[in-house]
Amino acid sequence: MKFGIGLFTMQTHQDNPVTNAEIYKQTLEQVKLAEDVNFDSAWISEHHFLPDGYCPYPPVIASAMAAVTSSIQIGSAGVILPLHNPVRVAEDAAMVDNISNGRFNLGVVLGYRKEEFDGIGVPMNQRPSRMEEGIDVIVKAWTEENFSFEGKRYKFDNINVTPKPVQKPHIPIYIGAFEEPGIKRAGKLGYPLLIGPGRTMQMVRDTLNFYNEGAKEAGRSPDGIEHILIRETYVHSNSEKAKQGGNKYIIDLYKYYFTLGVKMYVRGTQLTGLDDPLFEHLAEERFIIGTPEESIKEINRYKDELGINYIACRMVFPQANHKIISDCIELFGKEVIPAFS
């Protein structure tokens, strides 16, 4: 099993009264701690125009993470690719790969917030074509000395992107997808998934089935693809305190994402509002909340029932202070990860 840490979002929160500058400093300390206690990777998320300072571009903080670490992989989960010029994404990612000496992973997502697309001036209906063409351009930029590209959205003529990545043939690419068309697109393209944290066990099974269908439709074999399952995680040495922390830091976070337009389903029913009583059952079959022993048992379910061998633990909560996050990272790294070594 492999384990990641994240998602690093660099958000402020009224319950955690620190500045954005302080959060960036704490983030680098948390990544160094994660590296010291056995985590394999660290993952950064992207959003725009939010009042809490949500990270607007993962490669920037990724370069800082690379400079203060030596072995942990650093990834975006992910860059909202349709919002960006793919040549610039290729350049920036290659720079981080060089700074880290081959430790960067590029996760890309389609995006879903209309406010972001309106603010940057990209029509939302162009997302699929910008995503597919963007990935194609990025790979060409990393692997070809001179390349040209002409598609529906992008045109580049005889350009050579430098520096090239350290990793060969190129930086690993992951695709974050939530709806069936996007999941099947990832399977068609042949890149592994970043599976979102809000999915139940059955929803993860459905996701993997959609991916496999897409891969087979494109003549690809889905066998041997190492998908990453992002999972909300809160561990504490005391079971009751773990549950309290899970409710405070995870359920509240999901209520926040609900306000951003994320669709949520509990027991087969879509949540309709923040006062929906089904929020009480949101954690069922979704989250890793408990003692190290309880967490190990839950992780074994993902391994045995879903065939998942890579979990990114989302335990960096905006409303939690630096000590709470650090204690969670350290406890998980020292008492959970070794059980899967």
Protein backbone atom coordinates (compact mmCIF):
# COMPACT_ATOMS: atom_id res chain seq x y z
CA MET A 1 0.00 0.00 0.00
CA LYS A 2 1.03 3.57 -0.69
CA PHE A 3 -0.22 6.59 1.22
CA GLY A 4 -0.50 10.24 0.31
CA ILE A 5 -1.27 13.31 2.40
CA GLY A 6 -3.49 16.24 1.48
CA LEU A 7 -5.39 17.82 0.09
CA PHE A 8 -3.41 20.97 0.72
CA THR A 9 -5.69 23.91 -0.10
CA MET A 10 -4.12 26.78 1.91
CA GLN A 11 -7.52 28.03 3.05
CA THR A 12 -8.14 30.37 5.93
CA HIS A 13 -11.05 29.71 8.28
CA GLN A 14 -12.81 31.66 11.01
CA ASP A 15 -12.11 28.84 13.48
CA ASN A 16 -8.38 28.93 12.68
CA PRO A 17 -7.41 32.62 12.85
CA VAL A 18 -4.11 32.66 10.97
CA THR A 19 -3.08 34.52 7.84
CA ASN A 20 -2.58 33.00 4.40
CA ALA A 21 1.15 33.60 4.80
CA GLU A 22 1.16 31.62 8.05
CA ILE A 23 -0.80 28.80 6.42
CA TYR A 24 1.80 28.51 3.65
CA LYS A 25 4.56 28.30 6.26
CA GLN A 26 2.66 25.64 8.22
CA THR A 27 1.95 23.73 5.02
CA LEU A 28 5.66 23.33 4.32
CA GLU A 29 6.21 22.12 7.88
CA GLN A 30 3.38 19.59 7.50
CA VAL A 31 4.83 18.24 4.25
CA LYS A 32 8.26 17.83 5.84
CA LEU A 33 6.62 15.97 8.74
CA ALA A 34 4.67 13.72 6.35
CA GLU A 35 7.91 12.82 4.59
CA ASP A 36 9.53 11.97 7.93
CA VAL A 37 6.69 9.64 9.00
CA ASN A 38 6.45 7.44 5.91
CA PHE A 39 3.96 9.16 3.57
CA ASP A 40 4.68 8.54 -0.11
CA SER A 41 3.13 11.67 -1.59
CA ALA A 42 1.56 15.08 -0.93
CA TRP A 43 -1.33 16.48 -3.01
CA ILE A 44 -2.48 20.06 -3.70
CA SER A 45 -5.91 21.23 -4.85
CA GLU A 46 -6.96 24.28 -6.93
CA HIS A 47 -9.84 26.74 -6.89
CA HIS A 48 -10.23 30.42 -7.78
CA PHE A 49 -11.82 33.60 -6.45
CA LEU A 50 -12.77 32.25 -3.03
CA PRO A 51 -12.58 34.58 -0.01
CA ASP A 52 -10.60 32.07 2.06
CA GLY A 53 -7.57 32.19 -0.27
CA TYR A 54 -8.00 28.67 -1.66
CA CYS A 55 -4.84 27.74 -3.58
CA PRO A 56 -5.22 29.10 -7.13
CA TYR A 57 -2.39 27.17 -8.79
CA PRO A 58 -0.76 23.99 -7.37
CA PRO A 59 2.63 24.11 -9.20
CA VAL A 60 3.62 27.26 -7.30
CA ILE A 61 3.32 25.74 -3.82
CA ALA A 62 4.56 22.41 -5.23
CA SER A 63 7.89 24.03 -6.07
CA ALA A 64 8.18 25.28 -2.48
CA MET A 65 7.37 21.80 -1.17
CA ALA A 66 10.01 20.32 -3.45
CA ALA A 67 12.63 22.70 -2.11
CA VAL A 68 12.12 21.65 1.53
CA THR A 69 11.82 17.87 0.99
CA SER A 70 13.97 15.16 -0.57
CA SER A 71 11.93 12.01 -1.18
CA ILE A 72 8.16 12.54 -0.97
CA GLN A 73 6.27 12.71 -4.27
CA ILE A 74 4.38 15.98 -4.85
CA GLY A 75 1.21 16.12 -6.92
CA SER A 76 -1.64 18.31 -8.04
CA ALA A 77 -5.12 17.01 -7.33
CA GLY A 78 -5.61 18.77 -9.44
CA VAL A 79 -4.89 21.54 -11.89
CA ILE A 80 -8.16 22.69 -13.50
CA LEU A 81 -6.74 22.12 -16.96
CA PRO A 82 -9.44 23.80 -19.11
CA LEU A 83 -8.68 27.10 -17.35
CA HIS A 84 -5.01 27.11 -18.33
CA ASN A 85 -2.85 27.29 -21.44
CA PRO A 86 -1.53 23.70 -21.67
CA VAL A 87 1.92 24.80 -22.82
CA ARG A 88 2.30 26.88 -19.66
CA VAL A 89 1.12 23.94 -17.56
CA ALA A 90 3.71 21.73 -19.28
CA GLU A 91 6.44 24.29 -18.63
CA ASP A 92 5.52 24.82 -14.99
CA ALA A 93 5.19 21.11 -14.26
CA ALA A 94 8.55 20.39 -15.91
CA MET A 95 10.16 23.09 -13.78
CA VAL A 96 8.77 21.52 -10.58
CA ASP A 97 9.95 18.11 -11.76
CA ASN A 98 13.45 19.51 -12.15
CA ILE A 99 13.38 21.33 -8.80
CA SER A 100 12.26 18.09 -7.12
CA ASN A 101 14.59 15.87 -9.18
CA GLY A 102 11.74 13.83 -10.62
CA ARG A 103 9.14 13.87 -7.84
CA PHE A 104 6.20 15.68 -9.43
CA ASN A 105 2.86 14.13 -10.46
CA LEU A 106 0.42 16.13 -12.57
CA GLY A 107 -3.20 15.53 -11.66
CA VAL A 108 -5.72 17.37 -13.83
CA VAL A 109 -9.44 17.94 -13.40
CA LEU A 110 -12.26 19.28 -15.55
CA GLY A 111 -13.56 21.88 -13.08
CA TYR A 112 -17.16 22.51 -12.13
CA ARG A 113 -17.54 26.05 -10.70
CA LYS A 114 -19.14 28.43 -13.20
CA GLU A 115 -17.70 31.40 -11.29
CA GLU A 116 -14.18 30.24 -12.09
CA PHE A 117 -14.81 29.84 -15.80
CA ASP A 118 -16.66 33.14 -16.01
CA GLY A 119 -13.91 34.92 -14.08
CA ILE A 120 -11.13 33.62 -16.32
CA GLY A 121 -13.19 33.91 -19.49
CA VAL A 122 -13.43 30.27 -20.57
CA PRO A 123 -16.83 28.88 -21.70
CA MET A 124 -17.81 25.89 -19.57
CA ASN A 125 -19.08 23.98 -22.59
CA GLN A 126 -15.50 23.83 -23.88
CA ARG A 127 -14.26 21.87 -20.87
CA PRO A 128 -14.13 18.36 -22.43
CA SER A 129 -12.31 19.46 -25.59
CA ARG A 130 -9.88 21.66 -23.66
CA MET A 131 -9.21 18.76 -21.31
CA GLU A 132 -8.46 16.21 -24.03
CA GLU A 133 -6.48 18.57 -26.25
CA GLY A 134 -4.68 19.98 -23.22
CA ILE A 135 -3.39 16.58 -22.12
CA ASP A 136 -2.26 15.81 -25.66
CA VAL A 137 -0.38 19.11 -25.88
CA ILE A 138 1.28 18.60 -22.49
CA VAL A 139 2.59 15.15 -23.37
CA LYS A 140 3.94 16.38 -26.70
CA ALA A 141 5.58 19.33 -24.96
CA TRP A 142 7.35 16.98 -22.53
CA THR A 143 8.42 14.32 -24.99
CA GLU A 144 9.13 16.03 -28.34
CA GLU A 145 11.93 18.43 -29.19
CA ASN A 146 9.77 20.37 -31.61
CA PHE A 147 6.08 19.84 -32.03
CA SER A 148 3.08 21.35 -33.72
CA PHE A 149 -0.54 20.91 -32.74
CA GLU A 150 -3.80 22.01 -34.28
CA GLY A 151 -7.08 21.15 -32.63
CA LYS A 152 -10.48 22.63 -31.95
CA ARG A 153 -9.21 24.81 -29.07
CA TYR A 154 -5.44 25.07 -29.39
CA LYS A 155 -2.91 25.67 -32.14
CA PHE A 156 0.87 25.63 -31.68
CA ASP A 157 3.43 25.69 -34.45
CA ASN A 158 6.92 24.20 -34.15
CA ILE A 159 7.64 24.96 -30.49
CA ASN A 160 10.14 23.33 -28.14
CA VAL A 161 9.21 23.42 -24.47
CA THR A 162 12.18 23.48 -22.09
CA PRO A 163 13.30 22.29 -19.68
CA LYS A 164 12.11 18.75 -20.26
CA PRO A 165 11.00 16.77 -17.19
CA VAL A 166 13.44 14.62 -15.27
CA GLN A 167 11.01 11.68 -15.33
CA LYS A 168 10.93 9.60 -18.50
CA PRO A 169 9.07 9.18 -20.73
CA HIS A 170 7.23 11.99 -18.90
CA ILE A 171 5.72 13.14 -15.62
CA PRO A 172 2.93 10.79 -14.44
CA ILE A 173 -0.53 12.11 -15.26
CA TYR A 174 -3.65 11.47 -13.17
CA ILE A 175 -7.20 12.48 -14.00
CA GLY A 176 -9.74 13.51 -11.41
CA ALA A 177 -13.24 12.74 -12.66
CA PHE A 178 -16.59 12.51 -10.89
CA GLU A 179 -19.28 11.92 -13.52
CA GLU A 180 -19.56 8.89 -15.82
CA PRO A 181 -18.48 10.69 -19.05
CA GLY A 182 -15.34 12.08 -17.41
CA ILE A 183 -14.47 8.76 -15.81
CA LYS A 184 -14.84 6.95 -19.13
CA ARG A 185 -12.75 9.66 -20.80
CA ALA A 186 -9.93 8.91 -18.35
CA GLY A 187 -10.21 5.22 -19.23
CA LYS A 188 -10.13 6.02 -22.93
CA LEU A 189 -7.00 8.13 -22.49
CA GLY A 190 -5.35 5.47 -20.33
CA TYR A 191 -4.35 7.60 -17.32
CA PRO A 192 -5.10 6.54 -13.74
CA LEU A 193 -7.85 8.16 -11.72
CA LEU A 194 -7.79 10.40 -8.70
CA ILE A 195 -10.99 9.08 -7.13
CA GLY A 196 -12.74 11.75 -5.09
CA PRO A 197 -13.08 11.40 -1.33
CA GLY A 198 -16.85 11.70 -1.10
CA ARG A 199 -17.62 8.35 -2.72
CA THR A 200 -19.08 5.36 -0.87
CA MET A 201 -17.68 1.88 -1.42
CA GLN A 202 -20.35 1.18 -4.05
CA MET A 203 -19.69 4.50 -5.78
CA VAL A 204 -15.99 3.61 -5.98
CA ARG A 205 -16.93 0.25 -7.53
CA ASP A 206 -19.10 2.05 -10.08
CA THR A 207 -16.27 4.48 -10.81
CA LEU A 208 -13.83 1.66 -11.49
CA ASN A 209 -16.40 -0.09 -13.71
CA PHE A 210 -16.96 3.10 -15.75
CA TYR A 211 -13.20 3.51 -16.13
CA ASN A 212 -12.76 -0.09 -17.28
CA GLU A 213 -15.59 0.30 -19.80
CA GLY A 214 -13.98 3.42 -21.23
CA ALA A 215 -10.60 1.74 -21.48
CA LYS A 216 -12.00 -1.33 -23.23
CA GLU A 217 -14.03 0.81 -25.65
CA ALA A 218 -10.75 2.47 -26.67
CA GLY A 219 -8.99 -0.88 -27.03
CA ARG A 220 -6.95 -0.40 -23.86
CA SER A 221 -6.46 -2.87 -21.04
CA PRO A 222 -7.35 -1.41 -17.63
CA ASP A 223 -5.29 -4.06 -15.87
CA GLY A 224 -2.41 -2.85 -13.74
CA ILE A 225 -3.57 0.78 -13.57
CA GLU A 226 -2.80 2.18 -10.10
CA HIS A 227 -5.65 4.51 -9.22
CA ILE A 228 -5.45 6.75 -6.17
CA LEU A 229 -8.40 6.86 -3.78
CA ILE A 230 -8.63 10.14 -1.86
CA ARG A 231 -10.18 9.54 1.55
CA GLU A 232 -11.19 11.93 4.32
CA THR A 233 -9.14 10.84 7.33
CA TYR A 234 -9.08 11.72 10.99
CA VAL A 235 -7.24 9.54 13.51
CA HIS A 236 -6.91 9.87 17.27
CA SER A 237 -5.69 7.46 19.92
CA ASN A 238 -9.14 7.68 21.56
CA SER A 239 -12.08 6.36 19.55
CA GLU A 240 -14.64 8.83 20.88
CA LYS A 241 -12.35 11.81 20.29
CA ALA A 242 -11.72 10.54 16.78
CA LYS A 243 -15.46 10.59 16.09
CA GLN A 244 -15.77 14.08 17.54
CA GLY A 245 -12.93 15.32 15.36
CA GLY A 246 -14.38 13.63 12.31
CA ASN A 247 -17.69 15.37 12.81
CA LYS A 248 -16.07 18.74 13.44
CA TYR A 249 -13.51 18.73 10.64
CA ILE A 250 -14.94 16.48 7.94
CA ILE A 251 -18.71 16.93 8.01
CA ASP A 252 -18.35 20.71 8.30
CA LEU A 253 -15.93 20.67 5.35
CA TYR A 254 -18.50 18.81 3.26
CA LYS A 255 -21.16 21.32 4.11
CA TYR A 256 -18.79 23.98 2.78
CA TYR A 257 -18.25 22.07 -0.48
CA PHE A 258 -21.99 21.59 -0.74
CA THR A 259 -22.32 25.40 -0.89
CA LEU A 260 -19.87 25.39 -3.84
CA GLY A 261 -22.24 23.24 -5.88
CA VAL A 262 -20.89 19.74 -5.26
CA LYS A 263 -23.62 17.12 -5.60
CA MET A 264 -23.81 14.77 -2.63
CA TYR A 265 -25.74 11.55 -2.15
CA VAL A 266 -26.43 9.72 1.09
CA ARG A 267 -28.16 6.33 1.16
CA GLY A 268 -29.00 6.77 -2.50
CA THR A 269 -30.68 10.16 -2.09
CA GLN A 270 -29.26 13.51 -3.22
CA LEU A 271 -28.83 16.02 -0.42
CA THR A 272 -31.08 19.05 -0.88
CA GLY A 273 -29.74 21.59 1.61
CA LEU A 274 -27.48 22.21 4.59
CA ASP A 275 -30.33 21.30 6.94
CA ASP A 276 -30.95 17.95 5.23
CA PRO A 277 -31.09 15.31 8.02
CA LEU A 278 -29.21 12.86 5.80
CA PHE A 279 -26.02 14.82 6.53
CA GLU A 280 -25.99 12.88 9.80
CA HIS A 281 -25.18 9.71 7.84
CA LEU A 282 -22.66 11.23 5.43
CA ALA A 283 -19.69 9.36 6.92
CA GLU A 284 -21.08 5.91 6.21
CA GLU A 285 -18.76 3.91 3.92
CA ARG A 286 -16.90 7.10 3.02
CA PHE A 287 -14.35 8.19 5.59
CA ILE A 288 -11.45 6.86 7.67
CA ILE A 289 -12.33 8.03 11.17
CA GLY A 290 -11.12 6.28 14.30
CA THR A 291 -8.13 4.97 16.18
CA PRO A 292 -5.12 3.61 14.29
CA GLU A 293 -6.48 0.09 14.77
CA GLU A 294 -9.91 1.07 13.43
CA SER A 295 -8.27 2.88 10.52
CA ILE A 296 -6.21 -0.17 9.59
CA LYS A 297 -9.38 -2.27 9.50
CA GLU A 298 -11.12 0.25 7.23
CA ILE A 299 -8.15 0.50 4.87
CA ASN A 300 -8.02 -3.27 4.56
CA ARG A 301 -11.59 -3.13 3.22
CA TYR A 302 -10.49 -0.82 0.40
CA LYS A 303 -7.62 -3.13 -0.39
CA ASP A 304 -9.55 -6.40 -0.21
CA GLU A 305 -12.95 -5.34 -1.61
CA LEU A 306 -11.94 -2.69 -4.14
CA GLY A 307 -8.39 -3.66 -5.07
CA ILE A 308 -7.16 -0.18 -4.06
CA ASN A 309 -3.47 -0.04 -3.21
CA TYR A 310 -2.95 3.73 -3.02
CA ILE A 311 -4.84 6.02 -0.64
CA ALA A 312 -4.35 9.77 -0.31
CA CYS A 313 -5.47 10.78 3.16
CA ARG A 314 -7.22 14.12 3.24
CA MET A 315 -6.49 15.27 6.78
CA VAL A 316 -5.48 18.91 6.25
CA PHE A 317 -8.68 20.63 7.34
CA PRO A 318 -9.01 24.44 7.02
CA GLN A 319 -10.69 24.83 10.40
CA ALA A 320 -8.09 22.72 12.25
CA ASN A 321 -4.99 24.37 13.67
CA HIS A 322 -1.44 23.39 12.84
CA LYS A 323 -0.98 21.18 15.93
CA ILE A 324 -4.15 19.17 15.31
CA ILE A 325 -3.18 18.53 11.70
CA SER A 326 0.41 17.67 12.63
CA ASP A 327 -0.70 15.27 15.38
CA CYS A 328 -3.01 13.50 12.92
CA ILE A 329 -0.24 13.21 10.31
CA GLU A 330 2.23 11.88 12.84
CA LEU A 331 -0.13 9.34 14.43
CA PHE A 332 -1.23 7.98 11.06
CA GLY A 333 2.32 7.85 9.75
CA LYS A 334 3.77 6.09 12.77
CA GLU A 335 0.94 3.70 13.68
CA VAL A 336 -1.10 3.06 10.52
CA ILE A 337 1.28 3.12 7.56
CA PRO A 338 3.76 0.59 9.07
CA ALA A 339 0.93 -1.98 9.20
CA PHE A 340 0.99 -2.01 5.38
CA SER A 341 4.75 -1.95 4.84
